[in-house]
Every structure is written in structure tokens, then in C-alpha cells.
Amino acid sequence: MKLFQVCILSVFLVIGVTGCRDKMNIEDITMSLLLGIDVNEEGKVEMYMSSPVFSEDAKEKNEHFEVKTLSMKEARNYFDTMATGITSGGKVQAILIGSKVIEHKNWFSTLDFIYRDPKLRLNADIVFVSGPVKAVFDLDLKDKPRLSIFLPQLLQTANFREVAVRTSLRKYYQMYYEKGITPFAPELSIVENKLKMTGTTLLNDQNVYSKTLSMKETQLFKILNDKVEGQLSLTLALDKFKRDVDIFKENAVSFYAKDIRRKIHKKYKNGQYQYKINLKMPIVINESPIKLNDQTEKSLRDEIEKKLEKDLNDLVTSFQKAKVDPLGLGIYASAFNHSVWKKNDEKWISFYEKANIKVNVEIIIFDKGISM
């Protein structure tokens, strides 16, 4: 028995020693945390990389690289000619895509290397930049952590507050190849020399830029898309309670929305797709234009429902006019009537434009706050 135990222990020791043979110190690695792709004024593709510097002797704690190349794989070779260590992409946090890139329908091919390399993480975020990517990498963030750390934190915070979406490489891949949905991702801008999440970029079925949703529209989009996971705080201006006293109109209502439930009823009739999107939304009032009691609560609830329904239906109409389906209603069309879908999948957007889509909202006020 003892002999057997000694043999087992020896095997584990040998395995452990073998595993240490090809170890690499962190100082000898250039850890890619941010990647960027853009098209410059000359129409040339540029690749960017940002990596933290772990050397105690280095004054700068972040290093940025820029090369002109069509291939991200080739770009990594160029990065290795300038970096302090061997480039590693296993910890990439985000890939920044410039606004000029998504004017070309074949831009997605530049990411082919990332999807084929098993060492690269597909949980990294795709972020569309309003303007040149170079401006983001060159931005001097004196009052913020290094860019490669700050940007993922910014994305996480904005998504938690429901003012930005998050689109991973894996999710974008699914949207790109799925015929029943058009792609979308968060939009990043530089505003007054600061990085800011400014909305959501929507692409059409050709994978080309279509339109940008504002912060408010992004919140409404996340409600429609049933993707509210953090804290959603909405403020609406209700015309019924408008009082033109001075610049403070006192007609705003603010509330938290919790546990929103969505049901989609779908139908195909006389060559037209029909959708009813029913939303049941429990809310907590934290700002009211009127004093609340049992009599006035119903009036406020009705006005909130009316305003939300209008805003949500207007947003859906804008999607149809822009010929984008970020809600993935085509996926529902495929699921409930697949035989019809197979005949129409290549021209889904033309059917989607003519679809009858109606959003209904039911508000449940379960907390009015302390002040009545």
C-alpha cells in the first residue's frame, strides 16, 4: 500500500515539474487588453493595441502600438517587433471599431483571426467608436486608471445602469450569421476630452452602419429587448401635469423599473407578420409631479403607460423605417412558422418593414416613496 502511495506521489511530482518547464514571467509578456481597428484618411486599414507595462523601471504604465495592415494576425507580428515582450491576446477586454470601418460591409472579415484562435477570449466586448480610434488610444486620462482598465469598467457601469448595451464577440458572431436579427453594439465617444458611452450603434442586414440610438432610446431598447438586468431608472415628461411657471416645468416623473415581464404574440396573416409586445412593468416612484394618494395614483399610472407606449412604439417604427431588426423579431418568425420563414428568410427585412408591430404597457406601482 505504501509503495502504491509513493508511486502516485512521484507521478504528480513529475507532472508538476514538467508543467513549470515552459513558464513565462509576466514581465516578459505584452498582454493585449485593448485592440482597435480603423480606416485612416488615406483609406488604409490600421490596427491598434494597448497593453499594461509591468516593469518597475518604466515611467509609462501603458504602451500603445499602431500598424497599417489588413490582417490582425499580421498586425500581431508587427506588434511583437515593438513590444517589450511576446504579445498575448488571451486577456483582451474590448475591441474598438472606428466609425469609418462600419461604412464597409466586409469589415467583419478582419476579426476572422480572433474567432479561429482558441487562445483568444470571445467574451471580449465589441465597441463602436464615434470618430477615429486613434483619438481614444491617444487620450490622456490623467484622473482615471489606465485606458485598458478604465474602458471595461466604464462599459460595466453603463450597462448596469441600463444606459448602454454590451455585445461580446460571441454574441456579435451570432447576430452576424443569424438572418432574423441585425447587429448592434455600444457606441463610445470623446466628449470634452473625456470618454463617454453615448448610445447604441445599429447596423443593417449588410453589416453596415444604419443609425445610433441615444442614451434614452437605449434604455427603451433594452426594455423592448427584455435585457434589463441592472438598475433601470427612467424619467418621463408628462404633458397632462405640465405647468408653465418658469424653467422648472414640474411635470417630470422618475421611477425604477423592476422585474419587467415581456410576452410576444405573433401571427402571420395575408402575407403580413403581426406582433403584439406586451410589457408588464412594476415600478418604484422616486419623483412625482403630483401628490400621490389612492385617487391620484391611477391618473399618474395611466399617464405613464400612455407616454411609455408612445415612446416604445415610436422607437419600433424608427427601426422599421431604418430597415433594422435589433429586436430579433425575425427569429420569432422563424420559430412560430418555419415553413413560411424559409421562403422569406433572404428578404426578411422587406417583410419586417411592412409588419404590424404594437407595444402595450401595463404599469404596476408597488412603491410610491415616503412623500405623498
Protein backbone atom coordinates (compact mmCIF):
# COMPACT_ATOMS: atom_id res chain seq x y z
CA MET A 1 0.00 0.00 0.00
CA LYS A 2 2.82 2.37 0.92
CA LEU A 3 4.61 1.52 -2.32
CA PHE A 4 1.46 2.41 -4.29
CA GLN A 5 1.16 5.77 -2.49
CA VAL A 6 4.81 6.57 -3.19
CA CYS A 7 4.33 5.79 -6.89
CA ILE A 8 1.26 8.05 -7.15
CA LEU A 9 3.10 10.88 -5.38
CA SER A 10 6.06 10.51 -7.75
CA VAL A 11 3.80 10.74 -10.79
CA PHE A 12 2.26 14.00 -9.53
CA LEU A 13 5.71 15.44 -8.80
CA VAL A 14 6.92 14.62 -12.30
CA ILE A 15 3.80 16.23 -13.82
CA GLY A 16 4.30 19.35 -11.70
CA VAL A 17 7.93 19.74 -12.70
CA THR A 18 7.06 19.26 -16.39
CA GLY A 19 4.41 21.95 -16.18
CA CYS A 20 6.91 24.52 -14.88
CA ARG A 21 9.36 23.94 -17.70
CA ASP A 22 7.75 26.39 -20.15
CA LYS A 23 6.73 29.03 -17.62
CA MET A 24 6.88 32.70 -18.62
CA ASN A 25 7.27 35.67 -16.31
CA ILE A 26 4.64 38.38 -16.57
CA GLU A 27 7.39 40.95 -17.23
CA ASP A 28 8.18 39.08 -20.45
CA ILE A 29 4.62 39.29 -21.82
CA THR A 30 2.89 42.11 -23.66
CA MET A 31 -0.67 41.49 -22.52
CA SER A 32 -3.14 42.83 -25.11
CA LEU A 33 -6.12 44.22 -23.21
CA LEU A 34 -7.49 46.54 -25.90
CA LEU A 35 -7.44 46.15 -29.67
CA GLY A 36 -8.58 48.68 -32.26
CA ILE A 37 -9.44 48.66 -35.96
CA ASP A 38 -9.90 51.78 -38.07
CA VAL A 39 -9.63 53.22 -41.59
CA ASN A 40 -7.48 56.33 -41.95
CA GLU A 41 -7.91 59.33 -44.26
CA GLU A 42 -5.96 57.53 -46.99
CA GLY A 43 -8.36 54.57 -46.92
CA LYS A 44 -5.80 52.26 -45.27
CA VAL A 45 -6.69 49.82 -42.50
CA GLU A 46 -4.97 50.48 -39.17
CA MET A 47 -4.70 48.19 -36.15
CA TYR A 48 -4.12 49.35 -32.58
CA MET A 49 -3.15 47.62 -29.36
CA SER A 50 -2.95 48.77 -25.74
CA SER A 51 -1.09 46.83 -23.08
CA PRO A 52 -0.14 47.46 -19.43
CA VAL A 53 3.57 47.71 -18.57
CA PHE A 54 4.64 45.73 -15.51
CA SER A 55 8.27 46.88 -15.35
CA GLU A 56 9.17 48.91 -12.25
CA ASP A 57 11.62 50.96 -14.31
CA ALA A 58 9.04 52.14 -16.85
CA LYS A 59 7.65 55.67 -16.42
CA GLU A 60 4.59 54.96 -18.55
CA LYS A 61 2.34 52.20 -17.21
CA ASN A 62 0.60 51.66 -20.55
CA GLU A 63 2.01 51.16 -24.02
CA HIS A 64 0.15 51.71 -27.31
CA PHE A 65 1.00 50.38 -30.75
CA GLU A 66 -0.28 51.26 -34.21
CA VAL A 67 0.35 49.47 -37.51
CA LYS A 68 -1.10 49.57 -41.02
CA THR A 69 -2.18 46.12 -42.19
CA LEU A 70 -5.23 44.24 -43.46
CA SER A 71 -4.80 41.25 -41.15
CA MET A 72 -4.99 41.16 -37.37
CA LYS A 73 -2.70 38.12 -37.39
CA GLU A 74 -0.08 40.07 -39.32
CA ALA A 75 -0.62 43.03 -37.00
CA ARG A 76 0.39 40.87 -34.05
CA ASN A 77 3.69 40.12 -35.78
CA TYR A 78 4.32 43.86 -36.18
CA PHE A 79 3.35 44.46 -32.54
CA ASP A 80 6.00 41.91 -31.49
CA THR A 81 8.68 43.94 -33.28
CA MET A 82 7.93 46.92 -30.99
CA ALA A 83 6.67 45.41 -27.73
CA THR A 84 8.74 44.68 -24.63
CA GLY A 85 7.53 41.06 -24.51
CA ILE A 86 5.74 38.40 -26.51
CA THR A 87 2.23 39.54 -27.43
CA SER A 88 -0.55 37.59 -25.74
CA GLY A 89 -4.21 38.08 -26.69
CA GLY A 90 -5.82 35.74 -24.17
CA LYS A 91 -6.90 38.61 -21.89
CA VAL A 92 -8.38 41.00 -24.47
CA GLN A 93 -11.15 43.03 -22.81
CA ALA A 94 -12.53 45.03 -25.74
CA ILE A 95 -12.12 45.61 -29.46
CA LEU A 96 -12.74 49.17 -30.65
CA ILE A 97 -14.15 49.57 -34.17
CA GLY A 98 -13.90 53.00 -35.83
CA SER A 99 -16.92 54.66 -37.47
CA LYS A 100 -15.25 54.59 -40.89
CA VAL A 101 -14.79 50.83 -40.65
CA ILE A 102 -18.52 50.10 -40.48
CA GLU A 103 -19.12 52.04 -43.67
CA HIS A 104 -17.72 48.95 -45.47
CA LYS A 105 -19.80 45.77 -45.47
CA ASN A 106 -16.78 43.41 -45.49
CA TRP A 107 -15.15 44.80 -42.33
CA PHE A 108 -16.15 41.74 -40.26
CA SER A 109 -13.52 39.67 -42.10
CA THR A 110 -10.78 41.47 -40.12
CA LEU A 111 -11.99 39.63 -37.00
CA ASP A 112 -11.65 36.18 -38.58
CA PHE A 113 -8.34 35.51 -36.83
CA ILE A 114 -9.87 36.18 -33.41
CA TYR A 115 -12.68 33.68 -33.93
CA ARG A 116 -10.32 30.98 -35.19
CA ASP A 117 -7.68 31.26 -32.46
CA PRO A 118 -8.79 29.16 -29.44
CA LYS A 119 -6.47 31.13 -27.13
CA LEU A 120 -8.37 34.39 -27.65
CA ARG A 121 -11.41 35.06 -25.45
CA LEU A 122 -14.77 35.54 -27.14
CA ASN A 123 -16.22 37.28 -24.09
CA ALA A 124 -14.38 40.48 -25.05
CA ASP A 125 -16.66 43.43 -25.87
CA ILE A 126 -17.10 44.94 -29.31
CA VAL A 127 -17.37 48.74 -29.08
CA PHE A 128 -18.06 51.11 -31.98
CA VAL A 129 -16.23 54.43 -31.74
CA SER A 130 -17.86 57.63 -32.97
CA GLY A 131 -14.82 59.06 -34.71
CA PRO A 132 -11.23 57.82 -35.09
CA VAL A 133 -9.99 55.01 -32.84
CA LYS A 134 -6.58 56.70 -32.66
CA ALA A 135 -8.11 59.57 -30.66
CA VAL A 136 -9.22 57.09 -27.98
CA PHE A 137 -5.82 55.42 -27.71
CA ASP A 138 -4.05 58.80 -27.60
CA LEU A 139 -6.39 60.26 -24.96
CA ASP A 140 -4.59 61.37 -21.80
CA LEU A 141 -6.75 60.21 -18.88
CA LYS A 142 -4.98 61.93 -16.01
CA ASP A 143 -7.78 61.49 -13.47
CA LYS A 144 -8.66 57.91 -14.49
CA PRO A 145 -6.99 54.49 -14.36
CA ARG A 146 -5.05 53.32 -17.40
CA LEU A 147 -7.22 53.04 -20.52
CA SER A 148 -7.13 49.24 -20.68
CA ILE A 149 -8.62 49.09 -17.17
CA PHE A 150 -10.92 52.14 -17.29
CA LEU A 151 -12.77 51.25 -20.51
CA PRO A 152 -14.03 47.81 -19.34
CA GLN A 153 -15.12 49.43 -16.05
CA LEU A 154 -16.97 52.15 -17.97
CA LEU A 155 -18.79 49.53 -20.03
CA GLN A 156 -19.74 47.55 -16.96
CA THR A 157 -21.10 50.60 -15.10
CA ALA A 158 -23.08 51.93 -18.09
CA ASN A 159 -24.59 48.50 -18.69
CA PHE A 160 -25.57 48.13 -15.01
CA ARG A 161 -27.34 51.50 -15.15
CA GLU A 162 -29.01 50.33 -18.39
CA VAL A 163 -27.74 53.29 -20.44
CA ALA A 164 -25.56 51.09 -22.67
CA VAL A 165 -25.69 47.61 -24.14
CA ARG A 166 -22.89 45.06 -24.06
CA THR A 167 -22.07 42.98 -27.11
CA SER A 168 -19.44 40.28 -26.82
CA LEU A 169 -17.51 38.84 -29.75
CA ARG A 170 -19.50 35.63 -29.39
CA LYS A 171 -22.85 37.49 -29.41
CA TYR A 172 -21.86 39.59 -32.41
CA TYR A 173 -20.88 36.45 -34.30
CA GLN A 174 -24.34 35.01 -33.66
CA MET A 175 -26.08 38.22 -34.81
CA TYR A 176 -23.91 38.44 -37.92
CA TYR A 177 -24.83 34.96 -39.17
CA GLU A 178 -28.44 34.90 -37.91
CA LYS A 179 -30.81 36.15 -40.65
CA GLY A 180 -33.55 37.05 -38.18
CA ILE A 181 -31.70 39.86 -36.38
CA THR A 182 -29.47 42.81 -37.31
CA PRO A 183 -26.31 43.55 -35.25
CA PHE A 184 -25.84 46.23 -32.61
CA ALA A 185 -23.14 47.25 -30.12
CA PRO A 186 -22.41 50.12 -27.70
CA GLU A 187 -21.11 53.44 -29.02
CA LEU A 188 -18.17 55.24 -27.44
CA SER A 189 -17.37 58.93 -27.97
CA ILE A 190 -14.90 61.53 -26.78
CA VAL A 191 -16.87 64.43 -25.26
CA GLU A 192 -14.92 67.39 -23.87
CA ASN A 193 -11.76 65.29 -23.72
CA LYS A 194 -13.50 62.52 -21.77
CA LEU A 195 -14.65 59.06 -22.78
CA LYS A 196 -18.41 58.65 -22.72
CA MET A 197 -20.87 55.91 -23.68
CA THR A 198 -23.22 57.83 -25.96
CA GLY A 199 -25.72 55.20 -27.05
CA THR A 200 -26.09 52.16 -29.28
CA THR A 201 -24.93 51.72 -32.87
CA LEU A 202 -27.32 49.77 -35.11
CA LEU A 203 -26.13 48.04 -38.28
CA ASN A 204 -28.32 46.83 -41.13
CA ASP A 205 -28.55 43.38 -42.69
CA GLN A 206 -25.47 44.22 -44.81
CA ASN A 207 -23.47 44.78 -41.59
CA VAL A 208 -23.14 48.49 -42.41
CA TYR A 209 -23.90 51.45 -40.12
CA SER A 210 -27.56 52.45 -40.08
CA LYS A 211 -28.30 54.69 -37.06
CA THR A 212 -27.36 55.50 -33.47
CA LEU A 213 -29.71 55.27 -30.51
CA SER A 214 -29.40 57.96 -27.84
CA MET A 215 -29.00 57.09 -24.16
CA LYS A 216 -32.78 57.41 -23.61
CA GLU A 217 -33.53 55.31 -26.69
CA THR A 218 -31.04 52.71 -25.48
CA GLN A 219 -33.00 52.38 -22.23
CA LEU A 220 -36.23 51.89 -24.19
CA PHE A 221 -34.47 49.41 -26.49
CA LYS A 222 -33.32 47.33 -23.52
CA ILE A 223 -36.89 47.25 -22.21
CA LEU A 224 -38.19 46.06 -25.59
CA ASN A 225 -35.35 43.56 -25.92
CA ASP A 226 -36.04 42.10 -22.46
CA LYS A 227 -32.43 42.77 -21.43
CA VAL A 228 -32.90 44.79 -18.23
CA GLU A 229 -30.61 43.14 -15.68
CA GLY A 230 -29.23 46.04 -13.62
CA GLN A 231 -30.93 49.21 -12.33
CA LEU A 232 -33.20 50.92 -14.84
CA SER A 233 -34.16 54.46 -13.88
CA LEU A 234 -36.46 56.34 -16.28
CA THR A 235 -37.60 59.97 -16.29
CA LEU A 236 -40.60 60.96 -18.39
CA ALA A 237 -42.15 64.37 -19.07
CA LEU A 238 -45.94 64.05 -18.74
CA ASP A 239 -47.87 66.70 -20.67
CA LYS A 240 -51.00 66.35 -18.51
CA PHE A 241 -49.20 67.74 -15.49
CA LYS A 242 -47.33 70.49 -17.33
CA ARG A 243 -47.33 73.88 -15.59
CA ASP A 244 -45.62 76.78 -17.37
CA VAL A 245 -44.42 78.63 -14.29
CA ASP A 246 -40.74 79.11 -15.18
CA ILE A 247 -37.89 76.94 -16.49
CA PHE A 248 -38.83 74.27 -13.93
CA LYS A 249 -41.89 72.69 -15.52
CA GLU A 250 -42.61 70.29 -12.63
CA ASN A 251 -44.10 67.67 -14.94
CA ALA A 252 -41.39 65.02 -14.65
CA VAL A 253 -41.94 61.58 -13.17
CA SER A 254 -38.98 59.33 -12.33
CA PHE A 255 -39.10 55.70 -11.36
CA TYR A 256 -37.15 52.46 -11.08
CA ALA A 257 -38.43 49.54 -13.14
CA LYS A 258 -38.00 46.07 -11.71
CA ASP A 259 -38.68 42.54 -12.97
CA ILE A 260 -40.14 43.59 -16.32
CA ARG A 261 -42.04 40.75 -17.97
CA ARG A 262 -42.37 40.56 -21.74
CA LYS A 263 -44.66 38.40 -23.83
CA ILE A 264 -44.69 38.45 -27.62
CA HIS A 265 -47.77 37.27 -29.51
CA LYS A 266 -47.10 36.65 -33.18
CA LYS A 267 -49.21 35.89 -36.23
CA TYR A 268 -48.79 35.59 -39.98
CA LYS A 269 -51.90 36.56 -41.93
CA ASN A 270 -52.47 37.57 -45.56
CA GLY A 271 -48.75 37.85 -46.24
CA GLN A 272 -48.09 40.12 -43.23
CA TYR A 273 -46.34 39.41 -39.94
CA GLN A 274 -48.14 40.74 -36.86
CA TYR A 275 -46.61 41.17 -33.41
CA LYS A 276 -48.02 42.26 -30.07
CA ILE A 277 -45.33 43.00 -27.50
CA ASN A 278 -46.95 43.08 -24.05
CA LEU A 279 -44.88 44.53 -21.20
CA LYS A 280 -45.80 44.25 -17.53
CA MET A 281 -43.66 46.73 -15.61
CA PRO A 282 -43.61 47.02 -11.80
CA ILE A 283 -42.15 50.39 -10.81
CA VAL A 284 -40.98 52.35 -7.76
CA ILE A 285 -41.82 56.06 -7.93
CA ASN A 286 -38.96 58.28 -6.76
CA GLU A 287 -40.10 61.59 -8.31
CA SER A 288 -43.69 62.63 -8.95
CA PRO A 289 -45.26 65.77 -10.48
CA ILE A 290 -48.31 65.43 -8.20
CA LYS A 291 -49.08 64.40 -4.65
CA LEU A 292 -49.91 60.72 -4.59
CA ASN A 293 -52.83 59.08 -2.88
CA ASP A 294 -55.27 56.35 -3.81
CA GLN A 295 -57.19 58.72 -6.13
CA THR A 296 -54.26 60.36 -7.96
CA GLU A 297 -52.16 57.20 -8.28
CA LYS A 298 -54.38 55.80 -11.05
CA SER A 299 -54.15 59.06 -13.01
CA LEU A 300 -50.35 59.03 -12.79
CA ARG A 301 -50.18 55.35 -13.74
CA ASP A 302 -52.37 55.92 -16.80
CA GLU A 303 -50.18 58.81 -17.98
CA ILE A 304 -47.00 56.78 -17.54
CA GLU A 305 -48.50 53.92 -19.57
CA LYS A 306 -49.62 56.30 -22.31
CA LYS A 307 -46.24 58.04 -22.54
CA LEU A 308 -44.21 54.81 -22.45
CA GLU A 309 -46.39 53.15 -25.07
CA LYS A 310 -45.95 56.14 -27.38
CA ASP A 311 -42.16 56.25 -26.93
CA LEU A 312 -41.76 52.49 -27.40
CA ASN A 313 -43.98 52.33 -30.46
CA ASP A 314 -42.18 55.32 -31.98
CA LEU A 315 -38.87 53.52 -31.44
CA VAL A 316 -40.14 50.36 -33.16
CA THR A 317 -41.40 52.45 -36.08
CA SER A 318 -37.96 54.08 -36.38
CA PHE A 319 -36.41 50.58 -36.55
CA GLN A 320 -38.72 49.64 -39.41
CA LYS A 321 -38.01 52.87 -41.30
CA ALA A 322 -34.25 52.32 -40.89
CA LYS A 323 -34.64 48.69 -42.05
CA VAL A 324 -33.02 47.25 -38.92
CA ASP A 325 -34.31 44.47 -36.67
CA PRO A 326 -32.22 44.62 -33.46
CA LEU A 327 -35.09 43.03 -31.52
CA GLY A 328 -34.67 39.82 -33.49
CA LEU A 329 -38.33 39.56 -34.49
CA GLY A 330 -37.18 37.51 -37.47
CA ILE A 331 -36.09 34.81 -35.04
CA TYR A 332 -39.65 34.67 -33.72
CA ALA A 333 -40.94 34.49 -37.31
CA SER A 334 -38.67 31.53 -37.91
CA ALA A 335 -39.80 29.80 -34.72
CA PHE A 336 -43.59 30.03 -34.99
CA ASN A 337 -43.98 29.49 -38.75
CA HIS A 338 -40.78 28.00 -40.09
CA SER A 339 -42.15 26.82 -43.44
CA VAL A 340 -43.15 30.38 -44.36
CA TRP A 341 -39.91 31.76 -42.92
CA LYS A 342 -37.76 29.53 -45.13
CA LYS A 343 -39.39 31.08 -48.18
CA ASN A 344 -38.77 34.63 -46.90
CA ASP A 345 -35.54 34.46 -44.88
CA GLU A 346 -33.37 36.03 -47.61
CA LYS A 347 -35.72 39.02 -47.86
CA TRP A 348 -36.81 39.20 -44.23
CA ILE A 349 -36.25 42.97 -43.91
CA SER A 350 -38.74 43.72 -46.71
CA PHE A 351 -41.39 41.74 -44.76
CA TYR A 352 -40.27 43.32 -41.48
CA GLU A 353 -40.77 46.83 -42.87
CA LYS A 354 -44.45 46.05 -43.53
CA ALA A 355 -45.06 44.10 -40.31
CA ASN A 356 -47.73 45.28 -37.90
CA ILE A 357 -45.96 45.71 -34.55
CA LYS A 358 -47.78 47.01 -31.49
CA VAL A 359 -46.34 47.57 -27.99
CA ASN A 360 -48.67 47.53 -24.95
CA VAL A 361 -47.54 48.56 -21.46
CA GLU A 362 -49.08 47.70 -18.11
CA ILE A 363 -47.65 49.67 -15.19
CA ILE A 364 -47.86 48.39 -11.61
CA ILE A 365 -46.93 50.94 -8.93
CA PHE A 366 -45.86 48.93 -5.92
CA ASP A 367 -43.99 51.69 -4.08
CA LYS A 368 -44.80 55.42 -4.10
CA GLY A 369 -41.91 56.50 -1.89
CA ILE A 370 -42.13 58.20 1.51
CA SER A 371 -43.55 61.59 0.47
CA MET A 372 -47.13 61.54 -0.80
